[in-house]
PDB file of N, CA and C in Angstrom:
ATOM      1  N   MET A   1      -2.070   5.718  25.660  1.00  0.00           N
ATOM      2  CA  MET A   1      -0.784   5.336  26.431  1.00  0.00           C
ATOM      3  C   MET A   1      -0.047   4.566  25.622  1.00  0.00           C
ATOM      4  N   LEU A   2      -1.035   3.289  25.247  1.00  0.00           N
ATOM      5  CA  LEU A   2      -0.072   2.024  24.603  1.00  0.00           C
ATOM      6  C   LEU A   2       0.326   2.507  23.439  1.00  0.00           C
ATOM      7  N   CYS A   3      -0.332   3.409  22.542  1.00  0.00           N
ATOM      8  CA  CYS A   3       0.540   3.812  21.282  1.00  0.00           C
ATOM      9  C   CYS A   3       1.607   4.675  21.616  1.00  0.00           C
ATOM     10  N   HIS A   4       1.583   5.525  22.540  1.00  0.00           N
ATOM     11  CA  HIS A   4       2.956   6.385  22.939  1.00  0.00           C
ATOM     12  C   HIS A   4       3.968   5.366  23.285  1.00  0.00           C
ATOM     13  N   GLN A   5       3.822   4.344  24.086  1.00  0.00           N
ATOM     14  CA  GLN A   5       4.951   3.531  24.562  1.00  0.00           C
ATOM     15  C   GLN A   5       5.334   2.688  23.257  1.00  0.00           C
ATOM     16  N   ALA A   6       4.553   2.219  22.524  1.00  0.00           N
ATOM     17  CA  ALA A   6       4.786   1.405  21.203  1.00  0.00           C
ATOM     18  C   ALA A   6       5.561   2.238  20.278  1.00  0.00           C
ATOM     19  N   LEU A   7       5.388   3.512  20.325  1.00  0.00           N
ATOM     20  CA  LEU A   7       6.228   4.291  19.062  1.00  0.00           C
ATOM     21  C   LEU A   7       7.186   5.293  19.808  1.00  0.00           C
ATOM     22  N   THR A   8       7.471   4.931  20.879  1.00  0.00           N
ATOM     23  CA  THR A   8       8.404   5.863  21.534  1.00  0.00           C
ATOM     24  C   THR A   8       9.933   5.755  20.658  1.00  0.00           C
ATOM     25  N   LYS A   9      10.056   4.640  20.182  1.00  0.00           N
ATOM     26  CA  LYS A   9      11.365   4.339  19.687  1.00  0.00           C
ATOM     27  C   LYS A   9      11.378   4.055  18.217  1.00  0.00           C
ATOM     28  N   ALA A  10      10.153   4.506  17.609  1.00  0.00           N
ATOM     29  CA  ALA A  10       9.704   4.410  16.193  1.00  0.00           C
ATOM     30  C   ALA A  10      10.518   5.745  15.549  1.00  0.00           C
ATOM     31  N   ASP A  11      10.773   5.390  14.331  1.00  0.00           N
ATOM     32  CA  ASP A  11      11.184   6.516  13.562  1.00  0.00           C
ATOM     33  C   ASP A  11      10.060   6.589  12.298  1.00  0.00           C
ATOM     34  N   ILE A  12       9.452   7.670  12.461  1.00  0.00           N
ATOM     35  CA  ILE A  12       8.350   7.720  11.567  1.00  0.00           C
ATOM     36  C   ILE A  12       8.584   8.901  10.536  1.00  0.00           C
ATOM     37  N   SER A  13       8.378   8.452   9.189  1.00  0.00           N
ATOM     38  CA  SER A  13       8.786   9.634   8.062  1.00  0.00           C
ATOM     39  C   SER A  13       8.106   9.104   6.867  1.00  0.00           C
ATOM     40  N   VAL A  14       8.056  10.240   5.880  1.00  0.00           N
ATOM     41  CA  VAL A  14       7.251  10.033   4.952  1.00  0.00           C
ATOM     42  C   VAL A  14       8.322  10.513   3.709  1.00  0.00           C
ATOM     43  N   ALA A  15       8.675   9.429   2.911  1.00  0.00           N
ATOM     44  CA  ALA A  15       9.549   9.448   1.823  1.00  0.00           C
ATOM     45  C   ALA A  15       9.081   8.617   0.718  1.00  0.00           C
ATOM     46  N   ASP A  16       9.840   8.879  -0.420  1.00  0.00           N
ATOM     47  CA  ASP A  16       9.836   7.883  -1.698  1.00  0.00           C
ATOM     48  C   ASP A  16      10.186   6.718  -1.137  1.00  0.00           C
ATOM     49  N   TYR A  17       9.446   5.526  -1.533  1.00  0.00           N
ATOM     50  CA  TYR A  17       9.957   4.234  -0.947  1.00  0.00           C
ATOM     51  C   TYR A  17      11.279   3.716  -1.246  1.00  0.00           C
ATOM     52  N   SER A  18      11.693   4.135  -2.480  1.00  0.00           N
ATOM     53  CA  SER A  18      13.227   3.764  -2.808  1.00  0.00           C
ATOM     54  C   SER A  18      14.299   4.348  -2.373  1.00  0.00           C
ATOM     55  N   THR A  19      13.997   5.275  -1.133  1.00  0.00           N
ATOM     56  CA  THR A  19      15.251   6.088  -0.564  1.00  0.00           C
ATOM     57  C   THR A  19      15.404   5.570   0.731  1.00  0.00           C
ATOM     58  N   ILE A  20      14.453   4.665   1.267  1.00  0.00           N
ATOM     59  CA  ILE A  20      14.552   3.922   2.478  1.00  0.00           C
ATOM     60  C   ILE A  20      15.510   2.779   2.651  1.00  0.00           C
ATOM     61  N   LYS A  21      16.106   2.697   3.799  1.00  0.00           N
ATOM     62  CA  LYS A  21      16.929   1.604   3.882  1.00  0.00           C
ATOM     63  C   LYS A  21      16.694   0.910   5.404  1.00  0.00           C
ATOM     64  N   PRO A  22      15.468   0.018   5.377  1.00  0.00           N
ATOM     65  CA  PRO A  22      15.061  -0.502   6.437  1.00  0.00           C
ATOM     66  C   PRO A  22      16.112  -1.762   7.031  1.00  0.00           C
ATOM     67  N   GLN A  23      16.186  -2.259   8.093  1.00  0.00           N
ATOM     68  CA  GLN A  23      16.997  -3.384   8.512  1.00  0.00           C
ATOM     69  C   GLN A  23      16.158  -4.412   8.970  1.00  0.00           C
ATOM     70  N   ALA A  24      16.677  -5.525   9.027  1.00  0.00           N
ATOM     71  CA  ALA A  24      15.843  -6.909   9.486  1.00  0.00           C
ATOM     72  C   ALA A  24      15.328  -6.582  10.907  1.00  0.00           C
ATOM     73  N   GLY A  25      13.991  -6.856  10.702  1.00  0.00           N
ATOM     74  CA  GLY A  25      13.214  -6.582  12.058  1.00  0.00           C
ATOM     75  C   GLY A  25      12.422  -5.460  11.958  1.00  0.00           C
ATOM     76  N   ASP A  26      12.701  -4.538  11.156  1.00  0.00           N
ATOM     77  CA  ASP A  26      12.049  -3.061  11.026  1.00  0.00           C
ATOM     78  C   ASP A  26      10.644  -3.639  10.356  1.00  0.00           C
ATOM     79  N   PHE A  27       9.760  -2.511  10.708  1.00  0.00           N
ATOM     80  CA  PHE A  27       8.200  -2.647  10.006  1.00  0.00           C
ATOM     81  C   PHE A  27       8.234  -1.327   9.071  1.00  0.00           C
ATOM     82  N   VAL A  28       7.789  -1.645   7.821  1.00  0.00           N
ATOM     83  CA  VAL A  28       7.568  -0.691   6.907  1.00  0.00           C
ATOM     84  C   VAL A  28       6.133  -0.677   6.200  1.00  0.00           C
ATOM     85  N   TYR A  29       5.311   0.318   6.559  1.00  0.00           N
ATOM     86  CA  TYR A  29       4.025   0.471   5.807  1.00  0.00           C
ATOM     87  C   TYR A  29       4.160   0.984   4.550  1.00  0.00           C
ATOM     88  N   LEU A  30       3.587   0.882   3.436  1.00  0.00           N
ATOM     89  CA  LEU A  30       3.691   1.316   2.363  1.00  0.00           C
ATOM     90  C   LEU A  30       2.297   1.683   1.539  1.00  0.00           C
ATOM     91  N   ASP A  31       1.946   3.084   1.211  1.00  0.00           N
ATOM     92  CA  ASP A  31       0.859   3.461   0.825  1.00  0.00           C
ATOM     93  C   ASP A  31       0.959   4.167  -0.560  1.00  0.00           C
ATOM     94  N   PRO A  32       0.855   3.267  -1.451  1.00  0.00           N
ATOM     95  CA  PRO A  32       1.201   3.710  -2.929  1.00  0.00           C
ATOM     96  C   PRO A  32      -0.148   4.301  -3.383  1.00  0.00           C
ATOM     97  N   THR A  33       0.187   5.020  -4.510  1.00  0.00           N
ATOM     98  CA  THR A  33      -1.026   5.545  -5.380  1.00  0.00           C
ATOM     99  C   THR A  33      -1.742   4.231  -5.888  1.00  0.00           C
ATOM    100  N   TYR A  34      -2.932   3.949  -5.430  1.00  0.00           N
ATOM    101  CA  TYR A  34      -3.593   2.718  -5.702  1.00  0.00           C
ATOM    102  C   TYR A  34      -3.849   2.587  -7.344  1.00  0.00           C
ATOM    103  N   HIS A  35      -3.763   1.269  -7.713  1.00  0.00           N
ATOM    104  CA  HIS A  35      -3.915   0.802  -8.877  1.00  0.00           C
ATOM    105  C   HIS A  35      -5.216   0.968  -9.321  1.00  0.00           C
ATOM    106  N   SER A  36      -5.395   1.193 -10.687  1.00  0.00           N
ATOM    107  CA  SER A  36      -6.663   1.592 -11.400  1.00  0.00           C
ATOM    108  C   SER A  36      -6.974   0.719 -12.635  1.00  0.00           C
ATOM    109  N   ASP A  37      -7.980   0.054 -12.707  1.00  0.00           N
ATOM    110  CA  ASP A  37      -8.297  -0.586 -14.119  1.00  0.00           C
ATOM    111  C   ASP A  37      -9.906  -0.360 -14.321  1.00  0.00           C
ATOM    112  N   ASN A  38     -10.202  -1.057 -15.421  1.00  0.00           N
ATOM    113  CA  ASN A  38     -11.663  -0.713 -15.804  1.00  0.00           C
ATOM    114  C   ASN A  38     -12.576  -1.150 -14.747  1.00  0.00           C
ATOM    115  N   ASP A  39     -12.453  -2.042 -14.070  1.00  0.00           N
ATOM    116  CA  ASP A  39     -13.532  -2.519 -12.903  1.00  0.00           C
ATOM    117  C   ASP A  39     -13.514  -1.735 -11.790  1.00  0.00           C
ATOM    118  N   ASN A  40     -12.114  -1.063 -11.623  1.00  0.00           N
ATOM    119  CA  ASN A  40     -11.920  -0.403 -10.312  1.00  0.00           C
ATOM    120  C   ASN A  40     -11.261   0.902 -10.533  1.00  0.00           C
ATOM    121  N   PRO A  41     -12.046   2.077 -11.155  1.00  0.00           N
ATOM    122  CA  PRO A  41     -11.254   3.150 -11.523  1.00  0.00           C
ATOM    123  C   PRO A  41     -10.857   4.034 -10.166  1.00  0.00           C
ATOM    124  N   ALA A  42      -9.710   4.550 -10.131  1.00  0.00           N
ATOM    125  CA  ALA A  42      -9.271   5.323  -8.974  1.00  0.00           C
ATOM    126  C   ALA A  42      -8.510   6.444  -9.348  1.00  0.00           C
ATOM    127  N   PHE A  43      -8.527   7.216  -8.608  1.00  0.00           N
ATOM    128  CA  PHE A  43      -7.783   8.650  -8.751  1.00  0.00           C
ATOM    129  C   PHE A  43      -6.302   8.418  -8.452  1.00  0.00           C
ATOM    130  N   THR A  44      -5.523   8.431  -9.794  1.00  0.00           N
ATOM    131  CA  THR A  44      -4.175   8.077  -9.789  1.00  0.00           C
ATOM    132  C   THR A  44      -3.119   9.125  -9.785  1.00  0.00           C
ATOM    133  N   GLN A  45      -3.589  10.508 -10.105  1.00  0.00           N
ATOM    134  CA  GLN A  45      -3.276  11.594 -10.392  1.00  0.00           C
ATOM    135  C   GLN A  45      -2.406  12.162  -9.261  1.00  0.00           C
ATOM    136  N   TYR A  46      -1.651  11.883  -8.147  1.00  0.00           N
ATOM    137  CA  TYR A  46      -1.417  12.480  -7.185  1.00  0.00           C
ATOM    138  C   TYR A  46       0.039  13.490  -7.643  1.00  0.00           C
ATOM    139  N   SER A  47       0.592  13.176  -8.868  1.00  0.00           N
ATOM    140  CA  SER A  47       1.695  13.829  -9.057  1.00  0.00           C
ATOM    141  C   SER A  47       1.722  14.007 -10.678  1.00  0.00           C
ATOM    142  N   LYS A  48       2.549  14.946 -11.302  1.00  0.00           N
ATOM    143  CA  LYS A  48       2.549  14.920 -12.837  1.00  0.00           C
ATOM    144  C   LYS A  48       2.722  13.522 -13.606  1.00  0.00           C
ATOM    145  N   THR A  49       3.631  12.845 -12.775  1.00  0.00           N
ATOM    146  CA  THR A  49       3.999  11.531 -13.471  1.00  0.00           C
ATOM    147  C   THR A  49       3.006  10.648 -13.347  1.00  0.00           C
ATOM    148  N   GLY A  50       2.169  10.571 -12.453  1.00  0.00           N
ATOM    149  CA  GLY A  50       1.163   9.418 -11.844  1.00  0.00           C
ATOM    150  C   GLY A  50       1.915   8.278 -11.430  1.00  0.00           C
ATOM    151  N   PHE A  51       1.258   7.113 -11.345  1.00  0.00           N
ATOM    152  CA  PHE A  51       1.971   5.794 -10.794  1.00  0.00           C
ATOM    153  C   PHE A  51       1.460   4.644 -11.778  1.00  0.00           C
ATOM    154  N   SER A  52       2.420   4.227 -12.793  1.00  0.00           N
ATOM    155  CA  SER A  52       1.998   3.601 -13.860  1.00  0.00           C
ATOM    156  C   SER A  52       2.034   1.962 -13.385  1.00  0.00           C
ATOM    157  N   ASP A  53       1.369   1.085 -14.215  1.00  0.00           N
ATOM    158  CA  ASP A  53       1.637  -0.445 -13.807  1.00  0.00           C
ATOM    159  C   ASP A  53       3.090  -0.686 -13.841  1.00  0.00           C
ATOM    160  N   GLN A  54       3.907  -0.047 -14.529  1.00  0.00           N
ATOM    161  CA  GLN A  54       5.625  -0.278 -14.194  1.00  0.00           C
ATOM    162  C   GLN A  54       5.892   0.018 -13.024  1.00  0.00           C
ATOM    163  N   ASP A  55       5.770   1.390 -12.503  1.00  0.00           N
ATOM    164  CA  ASP A  55       5.735   1.697 -11.045  1.00  0.00           C
ATOM    165  C   ASP A  55       5.202   0.621 -10.147  1.00  0.00           C
ATOM    166  N   GLN A  56       4.009  -0.022 -10.360  1.00  0.00           N
ATOM    167  CA  GLN A  56       3.586  -1.045  -9.487  1.00  0.00           C
ATOM    168  C   GLN A  56       4.312  -2.132  -9.273  1.00  0.00           C
ATOM    169  N   LEU A  57       5.154  -2.436 -10.679  1.00  0.00           N
ATOM    170  CA  LEU A  57       5.929  -3.590 -10.557  1.00  0.00           C
ATOM    171  C   LEU A  57       7.255  -3.325  -9.952  1.00  0.00           C
ATOM    172  N   ALA A  58       7.486  -2.208 -10.045  1.00  0.00           N
ATOM    173  CA  ALA A  58       8.999  -1.691  -9.401  1.00  0.00           C
ATOM    174  C   ALA A  58       8.676  -1.841  -7.888  1.00  0.00           C
ATOM    175  N   LEU A  59       7.524  -1.193  -7.430  1.00  0.00           N
ATOM    176  CA  LEU A  59       7.276  -1.203  -5.922  1.00  0.00           C
ATOM    177  C   LEU A  59       7.307  -2.804  -5.482  1.00  0.00           C
ATOM    178  N   ARG A  60       6.422  -3.692  -6.171  1.00  0.00           N
ATOM    179  CA  ARG A  60       6.419  -5.036  -5.898  1.00  0.00           C
ATOM    180  C   ARG A  60       7.996  -5.613  -5.640  1.00  0.00           C
ATOM    181  N   ASP A  61       8.930  -5.317  -6.699  1.00  0.00           N
ATOM    182  CA  ASP A  61      10.149  -5.867  -6.679  1.00  0.00           C
ATOM    183  C   ASP A  61      10.778  -5.279  -5.307  1.00  0.00           C
ATOM    184  N   PHE A  62      10.483  -4.101  -5.016  1.00  0.00           N
ATOM    185  CA  PHE A  62      11.373  -3.621  -3.700  1.00  0.00           C
ATOM    186  C   PHE A  62      10.615  -4.188  -2.462  1.00  0.00           C
ATOM    187  N   VAL A  63       9.391  -4.464  -2.465  1.00  0.00           N
ATOM    188  CA  VAL A  63       8.639  -5.383  -1.389  1.00  0.00           C
ATOM    189  C   VAL A  63       9.424  -6.560  -1.193  1.00  0.00           C
ATOM    190  N   GLU A  64       9.536  -7.271  -2.537  1.00  0.00           N
ATOM    191  CA  GLU A  64      10.205  -8.588  -2.116  1.00  0.00           C
ATOM    192  C   GLU A  64      11.679  -8.586  -1.864  1.00  0.00           C
ATOM    193  N   THR A  65      12.248  -7.594  -2.091  1.00  0.00           N
ATOM    194  CA  THR A  65      13.704  -7.432  -1.557  1.00  0.00           C
ATOM    195  C   THR A  65      13.641  -7.236   0.027  1.00  0.00           C
ATOM    196  N   LEU A  66      12.477  -6.264   0.503  1.00  0.00           N
ATOM    197  CA  LEU A  66      12.393  -6.317   1.835  1.00  0.00           C
ATOM    198  C   LEU A  66      12.154  -7.528   2.473  1.00  0.00           C
ATOM    199  N   ASP A  67      11.218  -8.434   1.783  1.00  0.00           N
ATOM    200  CA  ASP A  67      10.845  -9.251   2.417  1.00  0.00           C
ATOM    201  C   ASP A  67      12.119 -10.331   2.596  1.00  0.00           C
ATOM    202  N   ARG A  68      12.885 -10.287   1.525  1.00  0.00           N
ATOM    203  CA  ARG A  68      13.832 -11.411   1.494  1.00  0.00           C
ATOM    204  C   ARG A  68      14.942 -11.065   2.606  1.00  0.00           C
ATOM    205  N   ASN A  69      15.058  -9.773   2.911  1.00  0.00           N
ATOM    206  CA  ASN A  69      15.911  -8.926   3.958  1.00  0.00           C
ATOM    207  C   ASN A  69      15.377  -9.154   5.469  1.00  0.00           C
ATOM    208  N   GLY A  70      14.221  -9.674   5.493  1.00  0.00           N
ATOM    209  CA  GLY A  70      13.824  -9.939   6.959  1.00  0.00           C
ATOM    210  C   GLY A  70      12.886  -8.534   7.481  1.00  0.00           C
ATOM    211  N   VAL A  71      12.389  -7.802   6.654  1.00  0.00           N
ATOM    212  CA  VAL A  71      11.929  -6.751   7.267  1.00  0.00           C
ATOM    213  C   VAL A  71      10.354  -6.944   6.908  1.00  0.00           C
ATOM    214  N   LYS A  72       9.416  -6.488   7.919  1.00  0.00           N
ATOM    215  CA  LYS A  72       8.185  -6.517   8.031  1.00  0.00           C
ATOM    216  C   LYS A  72       7.404  -5.460   7.164  1.00  0.00           C
ATOM    217  N   ILE A  73       6.434  -5.847   6.220  1.00  0.00           N
ATOM    218  CA  ILE A  73       5.970  -5.034   5.552  1.00  0.00           C
ATOM    219  C   ILE A  73       4.553  -5.236   5.510  1.00  0.00           C
ATOM    220  N   MET A  74       3.665  -4.072   5.416  1.00  0.00           N
ATOM    221  CA  MET A  74       2.467  -3.965   5.094  1.00  0.00           C
ATOM    222  C   MET A  74       2.162  -3.046   4.060  1.00  0.00           C
ATOM    223  N   LEU A  75       1.363  -3.278   3.105  1.00  0.00           N
ATOM    224  CA  LEU A  75       1.137  -2.422   1.951  1.00  0.00           C
ATOM    225  C   LEU A  75      -0.565  -2.386   1.666  1.00  0.00           C
ATOM    226  N   SER A  76      -1.095  -1.348   1.480  1.00  0.00           N
ATOM    227  CA  SER A  76      -2.531  -1.280   0.940  1.00  0.00           C
ATOM    228  C   SER A  76      -2.481  -1.027  -0.508  1.00  0.00           C
ATOM    229  N   ASN A  77      -3.568  -1.420  -1.173  1.00  0.00           N
ATOM    230  CA  ASN A  77      -3.747  -1.024  -2.861  1.00  0.00           C
ATOM    231  C   ASN A  77      -5.137  -1.412  -2.938  1.00  0.00           C
ATOM    232  N   SER A  78      -5.384  -1.043  -4.322  1.00  0.00           N
ATOM    233  CA  SER A  78      -6.897  -1.574  -4.777  1.00  0.00           C
ATOM    234  C   SER A  78      -6.898  -2.999  -5.135  1.00  0.00           C
ATOM    235  N   ASN A  79      -8.028  -3.491  -4.888  1.00  0.00           N
ATOM    236  CA  ASN A  79      -8.269  -5.012  -4.871  1.00  0.00           C
ATOM    237  C   ASN A  79      -8.420  -5.146  -6.669  1.00  0.00           C
ATOM    238  N   THR A  80      -7.429  -4.963  -7.513  1.00  0.00           N
ATOM    239  CA  THR A  80      -7.672  -5.352  -8.766  1.00  0.00           C
ATOM    240  C   THR A  80      -6.571  -6.591  -9.082  1.00  0.00           C
ATOM    241  N   ASN A  81      -7.034  -7.299 -10.033  1.00  0.00           N
ATOM    242  CA  ASN A  81      -6.237  -8.647 -10.743  1.00  0.00           C
ATOM    243  C   ASN A  81      -4.917  -8.085 -10.588  1.00  0.00           C
ATOM    244  N   MET A  82      -4.495  -7.148 -11.078  1.00  0.00           N
ATOM    245  CA  MET A  82      -3.033  -7.050 -11.213  1.00  0.00           C
ATOM    246  C   MET A  82      -2.414  -6.869  -9.849  1.00  0.00           C
ATOM    247  N   ILE A  83      -2.840  -6.317  -8.972  1.00  0.00           N
ATOM    248  CA  ILE A  83      -2.217  -6.061  -7.685  1.00  0.00           C
ATOM    249  C   ILE A  83      -2.404  -7.433  -7.030  1.00  0.00           C
ATOM    250  N   THR A  84      -3.553  -8.107  -6.751  1.00  0.00           N
ATOM    251  CA  THR A  84      -3.782  -9.587  -6.238  1.00  0.00           C
ATOM    252  C   THR A  84      -2.497 -10.533  -6.795  1.00  0.00           C
ATOM    253  N   ASN A  85      -2.441 -10.444  -8.220  1.00  0.00           N
ATOM    254  CA  ASN A  85      -1.306 -11.473  -8.977  1.00  0.00           C
ATOM    255  C   ASN A  85       0.108 -10.836  -8.496  1.00  0.00           C
ATOM    256  N   LEU A  86       0.259  -9.705  -8.385  1.00  0.00           N
ATOM    257  CA  LEU A  86       1.493  -9.305  -7.981  1.00  0.00           C
ATOM    258  C   LEU A  86       2.211  -9.872  -6.719  1.00  0.00           C
ATOM    259  N   TYR A  87       1.088  -9.696  -5.650  1.00  0.00           N
ATOM    260  CA  TYR A  87       1.555  -9.937  -4.457  1.00  0.00           C
ATOM    261  C   TYR A  87       0.779 -11.454  -3.814  1.00  0.00           C
ATOM    262  N   LYS A  88       0.598 -12.055  -4.842  1.00  0.00           N
ATOM    263  CA  LYS A  88      -0.098 -13.562  -4.644  1.00  0.00           C
ATOM    264  C   LYS A  88       0.561 -14.422  -3.626  1.00  0.00           C
ATOM    265  N   ASP A  89       2.248 -14.078  -3.431  1.00  0.00           N
ATOM    266  CA  ASP A  89       3.107 -15.058  -2.499  1.00  0.00           C
ATOM    267  C   ASP A  89       2.965 -14.362  -1.227  1.00  0.00           C
ATOM    268  N   LEU A  90       2.355 -13.418  -1.007  1.00  0.00           N
ATOM    269  CA  LEU A  90       2.228 -12.637   0.413  1.00  0.00           C
ATOM    270  C   LEU A  90       0.737 -12.933   0.923  1.00  0.00           C
ATOM    271  N   ASN A  91       0.544 -12.578   2.190  1.00  0.00           N
ATOM    272  CA  ASN A  91      -0.626 -12.550   2.967  1.00  0.00           C
ATOM    273  C   ASN A  91      -1.637 -11.307   2.209  1.00  0.00           C
ATOM    274  N   LEU A  92      -2.741 -11.746   1.716  1.00  0.00           N
ATOM    275  CA  LEU A  92      -3.696 -10.691   1.338  1.00  0.00           C
ATOM    276  C   LEU A  92      -5.038 -10.692   1.876  1.00  0.00           C
ATOM    277  N   LYS A  93      -5.287  -9.594   2.345  1.00  0.00           N
ATOM    278  CA  LYS A  93      -6.713  -9.409   3.220  1.00  0.00           C
ATOM    279  C   LYS A  93      -7.611  -8.452   2.375  1.00  0.00           C
ATOM    280  N   THR A  94      -8.913  -8.804   2.008  1.00  0.00           N
ATOM    281  CA  THR A  94      -9.489  -8.006   1.306  1.00  0.00           C
ATOM    282  C   THR A  94     -10.397  -7.207   2.393  1.00  0.00           C
ATOM    283  N   ILE A  95     -10.388  -5.639   2.285  1.00  0.00           N
ATOM    284  CA  ILE A  95     -11.261  -5.178   3.269  1.00  0.00           C
ATOM    285  C   ILE A  95     -12.401  -4.127   2.461  1.00  0.00           C
ATOM    286  N   ASP A  96     -13.390  -3.553   2.949  1.00  0.00           N
ATOM    287  CA  ASP A  96     -14.147  -2.550   2.555  1.00  0.00           C
ATOM    288  C   ASP A  96     -13.903  -1.187   3.197  1.00  0.00           C
ATOM    289  N   ALA A  97     -13.411  -0.463   2.412  1.00  0.00           N
ATOM    290  CA  ALA A  97     -12.853   0.748   2.920  1.00  0.00           C
ATOM    291  C   ALA A  97     -13.875   1.849   2.585  1.00  0.00           C
ATOM    292  N   PRO A  98     -14.313   2.723   3.350  1.00  0.00           N
ATOM    293  CA  PRO A  98     -15.172   3.912   3.171  1.00  0.00           C
ATOM    294  C   PRO A  98     -14.569   5.054   2.473  1.00  0.00           C
ATOM    295  N   ARG A  99     -15.331   5.423   1.499  1.00  0.00           N
ATOM    296  CA  ARG A  99     -14.787   6.747   0.455  1.00  0.00           C
ATOM    297  C   ARG A  99     -15.804   7.713   1.124  1.00  0.00           C
ATOM    298  N   TYR A 100     -15.309   8.942   1.538  1.00  0.00           N
ATOM    299  CA  TYR A 100     -16.076  10.126   1.904  1.00  0.00           C
ATOM    300  C   TYR A 100     -15.924  11.214   1.106  1.00  0.00           C
ATOM    301  N   VAL A 101     -14.932  11.109  -0.160  1.00  0.00           N
ATOM    302  CA  VAL A 101     -14.969  12.349  -1.048  1.00  0.00           C
ATOM    303  C   VAL A 101     -15.945  12.082  -2.166  1.00  0.00           C
ATOM    304  N   SER A 102     -16.942  12.953  -2.119  1.00  0.00           N
ATOM    305  CA  SER A 102     -17.814  12.881  -3.198  1.00  0.00           C
ATOM    306  C   SER A 102     -18.698  14.191  -2.765  1.00  0.00           C
ATOM    307  N   CYS A 103     -18.922  15.013  -3.985  1.00  0.00           N
ATOM    308  CA  CYS A 103     -19.950  16.297  -4.001  1.00  0.00           C
ATOM    309  C   CYS A 103     -21.273  15.817  -3.529  1.00  0.00           C
ATOM    310  N   LYS A 104     -21.676  14.418  -3.666  1.00  0.00           N
ATOM    311  CA  LYS A 104     -23.007  14.075  -3.459  1.00  0.00           C
ATOM    312  C   LYS A 104     -22.962  12.867  -2.356  1.00  0.00           C
ATOM    313  N   GLY A 105     -23.754  12.999  -1.254  1.00  0.00           N
ATOM    314  CA  GLY A 105     -23.707  12.152  -0.307  1.00  0.00           C
ATOM    315  C   GLY A 105     -23.862  10.781  -0.985  1.00  0.00           C
ATOM    316  N   ALA A 106     -24.870  10.549  -1.727  1.00  0.00           N
ATOM    317  CA  ALA A 106     -25.172   9.099  -2.286  1.00  0.00           C
ATOM    318  C   ALA A 106     -23.823   8.605  -3.031  1.00  0.00           C
ATOM    319  N   GLY A 107     -23.032   9.546  -3.574  1.00  0.00           N
ATOM    320  CA  GLY A 107     -21.906   8.967  -4.233  1.00  0.00           C
ATOM    321  C   GLY A 107     -21.005   8.560  -3.402  1.00  0.00           C
ATOM    322  N   ARG A 108     -21.019   8.506  -1.830  1.00  0.00           N
ATOM    323  CA  ARG A 108     -19.992   7.925  -1.205  1.00  0.00           C
ATOM    324  C   ARG A 108     -20.105   6.610  -0.727  1.00  0.00           C
ATOM    325  N   LYS A 109     -19.491   5.757  -0.998  1.00  0.00           N
ATOM    326  CA  LYS A 109     -19.493   4.155  -0.991  1.00  0.00           C
ATOM    327  C   LYS A 109     -18.324   3.514  -0.553  1.00  0.00           C
ATOM    328  N   ASN A 110     -18.432   2.454   0.063  1.00  0.00           N
ATOM    329  CA  ASN A 110     -17.229   1.598   0.468  1.00  0.00           C
ATOM    330  C   ASN A 110     -16.664   0.861  -0.824  1.00  0.00           C
ATOM    331  N   VAL A 111     -15.305   1.038  -1.031  1.00  0.00           N
ATOM    332  CA  VAL A 111     -14.573   0.146  -2.225  1.00  0.00           C
ATOM    333  C   VAL A 111     -13.600  -0.905  -1.431  1.00  0.00           C
ATOM    334  N   GLN A 112     -13.520  -1.980  -2.276  1.00  0.00           N
ATOM    335  CA  GLN A 112     -12.627  -3.045  -1.965  1.00  0.00           C
ATOM    336  C   GLN A 112     -11.141  -2.636  -2.098  1.00  0.00           C
ATOM    337  N   GLU A 113     -10.360  -2.961  -1.016  1.00  0.00           N
ATOM    338  CA  GLU A 113      -8.917  -2.874  -0.833  1.00  0.00           C
ATOM    339  C   GLU A 113      -8.396  -4.148  -0.479  1.00  0.00           C
ATOM    340  N   VAL A 114      -7.199  -4.028  -0.617  1.00  0.00           N
ATOM    341  CA  VAL A 114      -6.248  -5.357  -0.280  1.00  0.00           C
ATOM    342  C   VAL A 114      -5.181  -4.638   0.865  1.00  0.00           C
ATOM    343  N   VAL A 115      -5.138  -5.257   1.855  1.00  0.00           N
ATOM    344  CA  VAL A 115      -3.967  -5.252   2.731  1.00  0.00           C
ATOM    345  C   VAL A 115      -3.289  -6.539   2.585  1.00  0.00           C
ATOM    346  N   ILE A 116      -1.754  -6.112   2.246  1.00  0.00           N
ATOM    347  CA  ILE A 116      -0.806  -7.156   1.835  1.00  0.00           C
ATOM    348  C   ILE A 116       0.242  -7.015   3.018  1.00  0.00           C
ATOM    349  N   THR A 117       0.658  -8.265   3.710  1.00  0.00           N
ATOM    350  CA  THR A 117       1.637  -8.322   4.631  1.00  0.00           C
ATOM    351  C   THR A 117       2.524  -9.526   4.362  1.00  0.00           C
ATOM    352  N   ASN A 118       3.771  -9.416   4.878  1.00  0.00           N
ATOM    353  CA  ASN A 118       4.304 -10.820   4.880  1.00  0.00           C
ATOM    354  C   ASN A 118       4.546 -11.478   6.300  1.00  0.00           C
ATOM    355  N   TYR A 119       3.795 -11.085   7.157  1.00  0.00           N
ATOM    356  CA  TYR A 119       3.644 -11.619   8.608  1.00  0.00           C
ATOM    357  C   TYR A 119       2.252 -12.453   8.810  1.00  0.00           C
TER     358      TYR A 119
END
């Protein structure tokens, strides 16, 4: 019931982040393809073009613009050095996230992710 009340006036959509135009006071959750490095390999091929380090930089620039414009943001990503450095001026919380995709039960384990907010 509380979720229904909270979301009554919400506009929930799935879109390329670069196409959205949030206003001050809006809340935006971003769930990009997670960053992968040698210490934290991740599946990054959700599309033909993937999501490169340059794409991660462009997303960070977009997040900074939202922040300057008074938009509340939440973003999740891999806990890699690059990601924590990109968002070091925001609030970062490290969490253990379960992974359920593996053909072998023993291969299913938690991985560290970061939740990034500006509030």
